[in-house]
């Protein structure tokens, strides 16, 4: 699936909003905060598993390209 420029900009805005410390990546704590804000009811252990799946390069953070892939796979 190809994203439009508008969709990509919206994803960037969402990513930046959830990057609480503004370091260009979403760490586990930020990911958990994002899920809580979305009121998903996700338990911490479940969030950790999801985070590990999204963090495909296994560096302990979700970069924007990983965020996009996750979004497209949902």
PDB file of N, CA and C in Angstrom:
ATOM      1  N   UNK A   1       0.848  -1.188   0.000  1.00  0.00           N
ATOM      2  CA  UNK A   1       0.000   0.000   0.000  1.00  0.00           C
ATOM      3  C   UNK A   1       0.886   1.241   0.000  1.00  0.00           C
ATOM      4  N   UNK A   2       0.585   2.142  -0.866  1.00  0.00           N
ATOM      5  CA  UNK A   2       1.327   3.395  -0.993  1.00  0.00           C
ATOM      6  C   UNK A   2       0.604   4.488  -0.205  1.00  0.00           C
ATOM      7  N   UNK A   3       1.349   5.216   0.592  1.00  0.00           N
ATOM      8  CA  UNK A   3       0.776   6.313   1.363  1.00  0.00           C
ATOM      9  C   UNK A   3       0.772   7.596   0.546  1.00  0.00           C
ATOM     10  N   UNK A   4      -0.286   8.369   0.698  1.00  0.00           N
ATOM     11  CA  UNK A   4      -0.308   9.684   0.081  1.00  0.00           C
ATOM     12  C   UNK A   4       0.549  10.621   0.930  1.00  0.00           C
ATOM     13  N   UNK A   5       0.887  11.760   0.383  1.00  0.00           N
ATOM     14  CA  UNK A   5       1.664  12.754   1.131  1.00  0.00           C
ATOM     15  C   UNK A   5       0.898  13.196   2.375  1.00  0.00           C
ATOM     16  N   UNK A   6      -0.406  13.311   2.264  1.00  0.00           N
ATOM     17  CA  UNK A   6      -1.241  13.708   3.399  1.00  0.00           C
ATOM     18  C   UNK A   6      -1.216  12.633   4.492  1.00  0.00           C
ATOM     19  N   UNK A   7      -1.326  11.372   4.096  1.00  0.00           N
ATOM     20  CA  UNK A   7      -1.284  10.274   5.071  1.00  0.00           C
ATOM     21  C   UNK A   7       0.077  10.202   5.761  1.00  0.00           C
ATOM     22  N   UNK A   8       1.125  10.381   4.985  1.00  0.00           N
ATOM     23  CA  UNK A   8       2.476  10.360   5.548  1.00  0.00           C
ATOM     24  C   UNK A   8       2.670  11.509   6.542  1.00  0.00           C
ATOM     25  N   UNK A   9       2.166  12.677   6.208  1.00  0.00           N
ATOM     26  CA  UNK A   9       2.260  13.833   7.102  1.00  0.00           C
ATOM     27  C   UNK A   9       1.469  13.581   8.391  1.00  0.00           C
ATOM     28  N   UNK A  10       0.324  12.945   8.269  1.00  0.00           N
ATOM     29  CA  UNK A  10      -0.490  12.625   9.443  1.00  0.00           C
ATOM     30  C   UNK A  10       0.234  11.611  10.341  1.00  0.00           C
ATOM     31  N   UNK A  11       0.861  10.618   9.724  1.00  0.00           N
ATOM     32  CA  UNK A  11       1.633   9.647  10.501  1.00  0.00           C
ATOM     33  C   UNK A  11       2.818  10.308  11.194  1.00  0.00           C
ATOM     34  N   UNK A  12       3.480  11.216  10.504  1.00  0.00           N
ATOM     35  CA  UNK A  12       4.603  11.937  11.108  1.00  0.00           C
ATOM     36  C   UNK A  12       4.124  12.753  12.307  1.00  0.00           C
ATOM     37  N   UNK A  13       2.988  13.401  12.162  1.00  0.00           N
ATOM     38  CA  UNK A  13       2.431  14.192  13.257  1.00  0.00           C
ATOM     39  C   UNK A  13       2.109  13.293  14.457  1.00  0.00           C
ATOM     40  N   UNK A  14       1.516  12.138  14.184  1.00  0.00           N
ATOM     41  CA  UNK A  14       1.182  11.190  15.242  1.00  0.00           C
ATOM     42  C   UNK A  14       2.444  10.661  15.916  1.00  0.00           C
ATOM     43  N   UNK A  15       3.448  10.321  15.115  1.00  0.00           N
ATOM     44  CA  UNK A  15       4.719   9.829  15.648  1.00  0.00           C
ATOM     45  C   UNK A  15       5.366  10.894  16.535  1.00  0.00           C
ATOM     46  N   UNK A  16       5.458  12.104  16.022  1.00  0.00           N
ATOM     47  CA  UNK A  16       6.082  13.193  16.775  1.00  0.00           C
ATOM     48  C   UNK A  16       5.331  13.485  18.072  1.00  0.00           C
ATOM     49  N   UNK A  17       4.020  13.395  18.036  1.00  0.00           N
ATOM     50  CA  UNK A  17       3.204  13.617  19.234  1.00  0.00           C
ATOM     51  C   UNK A  17       3.543  12.590  20.313  1.00  0.00           C
ATOM     52  N   UNK A  18       3.760  11.343  19.898  1.00  0.00           N
ATOM     53  CA  UNK A  18       4.036  10.267  20.852  1.00  0.00           C
ATOM     54  C   UNK A  18       5.509  10.146  21.219  1.00  0.00           C
ATOM     55  N   UNK A  19       6.361  10.857  20.524  1.00  0.00           N
ATOM     56  CA  UNK A  19       7.785  10.927  20.871  1.00  0.00           C
ATOM     57  C   UNK A  19       7.930  11.998  21.943  1.00  0.00           C
ATOM     58  N   UNK A  20       7.628  11.613  23.175  1.00  0.00           N
ATOM     59  CA  UNK A  20       7.497  12.579  24.264  1.00  0.00           C
ATOM     60  C   UNK A  20       8.776  13.346  24.559  1.00  0.00           C
ATOM     61  N   UNK A  21       9.931  12.708  24.422  1.00  0.00           N
ATOM     62  CA  UNK A  21      11.186  13.407  24.713  1.00  0.00           C
ATOM     63  C   UNK A  21      11.820  14.008  23.456  1.00  0.00           C
ATOM     64  N   UNK A  22      11.127  13.904  22.331  1.00  0.00           N
ATOM     65  CA  UNK A  22      11.517  14.525  21.057  1.00  0.00           C
ATOM     66  C   UNK A  22      12.923  14.130  20.595  1.00  0.00           C
ATOM     67  N   UNK A  23      13.249  12.833  20.755  1.00  0.00           N
ATOM     68  CA  UNK A  23      14.558  12.349  20.315  1.00  0.00           C
ATOM     69  C   UNK A  23      14.495  11.625  18.972  1.00  0.00           C
ATOM     70  N   UNK A  24      13.335  11.657  18.313  1.00  0.00           N
ATOM     71  CA  UNK A  24      13.207  11.056  16.998  1.00  0.00           C
ATOM     72  C   UNK A  24      12.889   9.577  17.010  1.00  0.00           C
ATOM     73  N   UNK A  25      12.545   9.039  18.177  1.00  0.00           N
ATOM     74  CA  UNK A  25      12.165   7.633  18.279  1.00  0.00           C
ATOM     75  C   UNK A  25      11.211   7.453  19.443  1.00  0.00           C
ATOM     76  N   UNK A  26      10.481   6.367  19.413  1.00  0.00           N
ATOM     77  CA  UNK A  26       9.533   6.056  20.473  1.00  0.00           C
ATOM     78  C   UNK A  26      10.089   4.886  21.275  1.00  0.00           C
ATOM     79  N   UNK A  27      10.386   5.161  22.551  1.00  0.00           N
ATOM     80  CA  UNK A  27      10.871   4.118  23.446  1.00  0.00           C
ATOM     81  C   UNK A  27       9.673   3.403  24.074  1.00  0.00           C
ATOM     82  N   UNK A  28       9.953   2.328  24.801  1.00  0.00           N
ATOM     83  CA  UNK A  28       8.894   1.509  25.381  1.00  0.00           C
ATOM     84  C   UNK A  28       7.941   2.337  26.244  1.00  0.00           C
ATOM     85  N   UNK A  29       8.458   3.175  27.117  1.00  0.00           N
ATOM     86  CA  UNK A  29       7.596   3.985  27.977  1.00  0.00           C
ATOM     87  C   UNK A  29       6.669   4.887  27.187  1.00  0.00           C
ATOM     88  N   UNK A  30       7.183   5.464  26.118  1.00  0.00           N
ATOM     89  CA  UNK A  30       6.368   6.324  25.259  1.00  0.00           C
ATOM     90  C   UNK A  30       5.301   5.496  24.535  1.00  0.00           C
ATOM     91  N   UNK A  31       5.669   4.287  24.134  1.00  0.00           N
ATOM     92  CA  UNK A  31       4.730   3.392  23.459  1.00  0.00           C
ATOM     93  C   UNK A  31       3.590   3.016  24.403  1.00  0.00           C
ATOM     94  N   UNK A  32       3.942   2.683  25.646  1.00  0.00           N
ATOM     95  CA  UNK A  32       2.930   2.337  26.642  1.00  0.00           C
ATOM     96  C   UNK A  32       2.016   3.535  26.890  1.00  0.00           C
ATOM     97  N   UNK A  33       2.581   4.732  26.987  1.00  0.00           N
ATOM     98  CA  UNK A  33       1.771   5.948  27.165  1.00  0.00           C
ATOM     99  C   UNK A  33       0.826   6.142  25.995  1.00  0.00           C
ATOM    100  N   UNK A  34       1.310   5.880  24.783  1.00  0.00           N
ATOM    101  CA  UNK A  34       0.475   6.013  23.593  1.00  0.00           C
ATOM    102  C   UNK A  34      -0.708   5.047  23.670  1.00  0.00           C
ATOM    103  N   UNK A  35      -0.449   3.804  24.053  1.00  0.00           N
ATOM    104  CA  UNK A  35      -1.529   2.815  24.150  1.00  0.00           C
ATOM    105  C   UNK A  35      -2.534   3.194  25.230  1.00  0.00           C
ATOM    106  N   UNK A  36      -2.042   3.719  26.338  1.00  0.00           N
ATOM    107  CA  UNK A  36      -2.947   4.155  27.416  1.00  0.00           C
ATOM    108  C   UNK A  36      -3.825   5.309  26.948  1.00  0.00           C
ATOM    109  N   UNK A  37      -3.211   6.252  26.238  1.00  0.00           N
ATOM    110  CA  UNK A  37      -3.980   7.399  25.742  1.00  0.00           C
ATOM    111  C   UNK A  37      -5.057   6.947  24.756  1.00  0.00           C
ATOM    112  N   UNK A  38      -4.740   5.916  23.991  1.00  0.00           N
ATOM    113  CA  UNK A  38      -5.718   5.370  23.040  1.00  0.00           C
ATOM    114  C   UNK A  38      -6.757   4.487  23.724  1.00  0.00           C
ATOM    115  N   UNK A  39      -6.564   4.280  25.036  1.00  0.00           N
ATOM    116  CA  UNK A  39      -7.479   3.470  25.839  1.00  0.00           C
ATOM    117  C   UNK A  39      -7.667   2.077  25.246  1.00  0.00           C
ATOM    118  N   UNK A  40      -6.552   1.434  24.920  1.00  0.00           N
ATOM    119  CA  UNK A  40      -6.606   0.097  24.332  1.00  0.00           C
ATOM    120  C   UNK A  40      -6.822  -0.994  25.369  1.00  0.00           C
ATOM    121  N   UNK A  41      -6.549  -0.684  26.645  1.00  0.00           N
ATOM    122  CA  UNK A  41      -6.672  -1.692  27.682  1.00  0.00           C
ATOM    123  C   UNK A  41      -5.556  -2.725  27.631  1.00  0.00           C
ATOM    124  N   UNK A  42      -4.488  -2.396  26.932  1.00  0.00           N
ATOM    125  CA  UNK A  42      -3.360  -3.302  26.773  1.00  0.00           C
ATOM    126  C   UNK A  42      -2.554  -3.373  28.066  1.00  0.00           C
ATOM    127  N   UNK A  43      -2.297  -4.588  28.526  1.00  0.00           N
ATOM    128  CA  UNK A  43      -1.462  -4.792  29.706  1.00  0.00           C
ATOM    129  C   UNK A  43      -0.002  -4.518  29.342  1.00  0.00           C
ATOM    130  N   UNK A  44       0.817  -4.189  30.346  1.00  0.00           N
ATOM    131  CA  UNK A  44       2.212  -3.854  30.102  1.00  0.00           C
ATOM    132  C   UNK A  44       2.961  -4.982  29.394  1.00  0.00           C
ATOM    133  N   UNK A  45       2.773  -6.218  29.837  1.00  0.00           N
ATOM    134  CA  UNK A  45       3.479  -7.353  29.223  1.00  0.00           C
ATOM    135  C   UNK A  45       3.097  -7.496  27.748  1.00  0.00           C
ATOM    136  N   UNK A  46       1.836  -7.285  27.450  1.00  0.00           N
ATOM    137  CA  UNK A  46       1.362  -7.349  26.067  1.00  0.00           C
ATOM    138  C   UNK A  46       1.955  -6.195  25.242  1.00  0.00           C
ATOM    139  N   UNK A  47       2.043  -5.015  25.859  1.00  0.00           N
ATOM    140  CA  UNK A  47       2.638  -3.861  25.187  1.00  0.00           C
ATOM    141  C   UNK A  47       4.110  -4.136  24.872  1.00  0.00           C
ATOM    142  N   UNK A  48       4.818  -4.765  25.809  1.00  0.00           N
ATOM    143  CA  UNK A  48       6.223  -5.101  25.577  1.00  0.00           C
ATOM    144  C   UNK A  48       6.375  -6.019  24.364  1.00  0.00           C
ATOM    145  N   UNK A  49       5.515  -7.013  24.261  1.00  0.00           N
ATOM    146  CA  UNK A  49       5.577  -7.931  23.119  1.00  0.00           C
ATOM    147  C   UNK A  49       5.310  -7.199  21.812  1.00  0.00           C
ATOM    148  N   UNK A  50       4.292  -6.340  21.812  1.00  0.00           N
ATOM    149  CA  UNK A  50       3.987  -5.562  20.618  1.00  0.00           C
ATOM    150  C   UNK A  50       5.137  -4.637  20.246  1.00  0.00           C
ATOM    151  N   UNK A  51       5.724  -4.015  21.248  1.00  0.00           N
ATOM    152  CA  UNK A  51       6.857  -3.121  21.022  1.00  0.00           C
ATOM    153  C   UNK A  51       8.008  -3.879  20.367  1.00  0.00           C
ATOM    154  N   UNK A  52       8.306  -5.054  20.887  1.00  0.00           N
ATOM    155  CA  UNK A  52       9.398  -5.867  20.319  1.00  0.00           C
ATOM    156  C   UNK A  52       9.125  -6.231  18.868  1.00  0.00           C
ATOM    157  N   UNK A  53       7.861  -6.502  18.544  1.00  0.00           N
ATOM    158  CA  UNK A  53       7.511  -6.834  17.162  1.00  0.00           C
ATOM    159  C   UNK A  53       7.701  -5.639  16.232  1.00  0.00           C
ATOM    160  N   UNK A  54       7.352  -4.453  16.703  1.00  0.00           N
ATOM    161  CA  UNK A  54       7.460  -3.239  15.883  1.00  0.00           C
ATOM    162  C   UNK A  54       8.914  -2.818  15.718  1.00  0.00           C
ATOM    163  N   UNK A  55       9.704  -2.998  16.772  1.00  0.00           N
ATOM    164  CA  UNK A  55      11.126  -2.627  16.770  1.00  0.00           C
ATOM    165  C   UNK A  55      11.914  -3.686  15.993  1.00  0.00           C
ATOM    166  N   UNK A  56      11.806  -3.645  14.674  1.00  0.00           N
ATOM    167  CA  UNK A  56      12.375  -4.706  13.842  1.00  0.00           C
ATOM    168  C   UNK A  56      13.899  -4.739  13.848  1.00  0.00           C
ATOM    169  N   UNK A  57      14.558  -3.609  14.094  1.00  0.00           N
ATOM    170  CA  UNK A  57      16.022  -3.629  14.132  1.00  0.00           C
ATOM    171  C   UNK A  57      16.563  -3.905  15.539  1.00  0.00           C
ATOM    172  N   UNK A  58      15.622  -4.097  16.485  1.00  0.00           N
ATOM    173  CA  UNK A  58      15.949  -4.509  17.863  1.00  0.00           C
ATOM    174  C   UNK A  58      16.932  -3.577  18.566  1.00  0.00           C
ATOM    175  N   UNK A  59      16.784  -2.266  18.328  1.00  0.00           N
ATOM    176  CA  UNK A  59      17.666  -1.302  18.995  1.00  0.00           C
ATOM    177  C   UNK A  59      17.021  -0.682  20.226  1.00  0.00           C
ATOM    178  N   UNK A  60      15.840  -1.162  20.605  1.00  0.00           N
ATOM    179  CA  UNK A  60      15.184  -0.670  21.807  1.00  0.00           C
ATOM    180  C   UNK A  60      14.324   0.564  21.596  1.00  0.00           C
ATOM    181  N   UNK A  61      14.052   0.893  20.342  1.00  0.00           N
ATOM    182  CA  UNK A  61      13.221   2.057  20.040  1.00  0.00           C
ATOM    183  C   UNK A  61      12.527   1.845  18.699  1.00  0.00           C
ATOM    184  N   UNK A  62      11.407   2.526  18.534  1.00  0.00           N
ATOM    185  CA  UNK A  62      10.673   2.497  17.269  1.00  0.00           C
ATOM    186  C   UNK A  62      11.013   3.762  16.504  1.00  0.00           C
ATOM    187  N   UNK A  63      11.652   3.594  15.358  1.00  0.00           N
ATOM    188  CA  UNK A  63      11.937   4.727  14.488  1.00  0.00           C
ATOM    189  C   UNK A  63      10.746   4.939  13.564  1.00  0.00           C
ATOM    190  N   UNK A  64      10.750   6.067  12.882  1.00  0.00           N
ATOM    191  CA  UNK A  64       9.607   6.436  12.046  1.00  0.00           C
ATOM    192  C   UNK A  64       9.319   5.392  10.967  1.00  0.00           C
ATOM    193  N   UNK A  65      10.351   4.827  10.343  1.00  0.00           N
ATOM    194  CA  UNK A  65      10.104   3.825   9.298  1.00  0.00           C
ATOM    195  C   UNK A  65       9.447   2.574   9.881  1.00  0.00           C
ATOM    196  N   UNK A  66       9.825   2.184  11.085  1.00  0.00           N
ATOM    197  CA  UNK A  66       9.193   1.032  11.745  1.00  0.00           C
ATOM    198  C   UNK A  66       7.744   1.362  12.112  1.00  0.00           C
ATOM    199  N   UNK A  67       7.520   2.591  12.532  1.00  0.00           N
ATOM    200  CA  UNK A  67       6.171   3.056  12.862  1.00  0.00           C
ATOM    201  C   UNK A  67       5.267   2.976  11.633  1.00  0.00           C
ATOM    202  N   UNK A  68       5.789   3.397  10.496  1.00  0.00           N
ATOM    203  CA  UNK A  68       5.012   3.343   9.254  1.00  0.00           C
ATOM    204  C   UNK A  68       4.681   1.896   8.905  1.00  0.00           C
ATOM    205  N   UNK A  69       5.665   1.015   8.963  1.00  0.00           N
ATOM    206  CA  UNK A  69       5.422  -0.398   8.648  1.00  0.00           C
ATOM    207  C   UNK A  69       4.367  -0.994   9.566  1.00  0.00           C
ATOM    208  N   UNK A  70       4.449  -0.676  10.857  1.00  0.00           N
ATOM    209  CA  UNK A  70       3.451  -1.158  11.811  1.00  0.00           C
ATOM    210  C   UNK A  70       2.071  -0.643  11.431  1.00  0.00           C
ATOM    211  N   UNK A  71       1.986   0.619  11.114  1.00  0.00           N
ATOM    212  CA  UNK A  71       0.704   1.225  10.769  1.00  0.00           C
ATOM    213  C   UNK A  71       0.103   0.556   9.528  1.00  0.00           C
ATOM    214  N   UNK A  72       0.938   0.286   8.546  1.00  0.00           N
ATOM    215  CA  UNK A  72       0.453  -0.333   7.306  1.00  0.00           C
ATOM    216  C   UNK A  72       0.025  -1.778   7.513  1.00  0.00           C
ATOM    217  N   UNK A  73       0.653  -2.457   8.470  1.00  0.00           N
ATOM    218  CA  UNK A  73       0.344  -3.862   8.737  1.00  0.00           C
ATOM    219  C   UNK A  73      -0.881  -4.055   9.634  1.00  0.00           C
ATOM    220  N   UNK A  74      -1.378  -2.986  10.218  1.00  0.00           N
ATOM    221  CA  UNK A  74      -2.505  -3.118  11.151  1.00  0.00           C
ATOM    222  C   UNK A  74      -3.749  -3.613  10.490  1.00  0.00           C
TER     223      UNK A  74
END
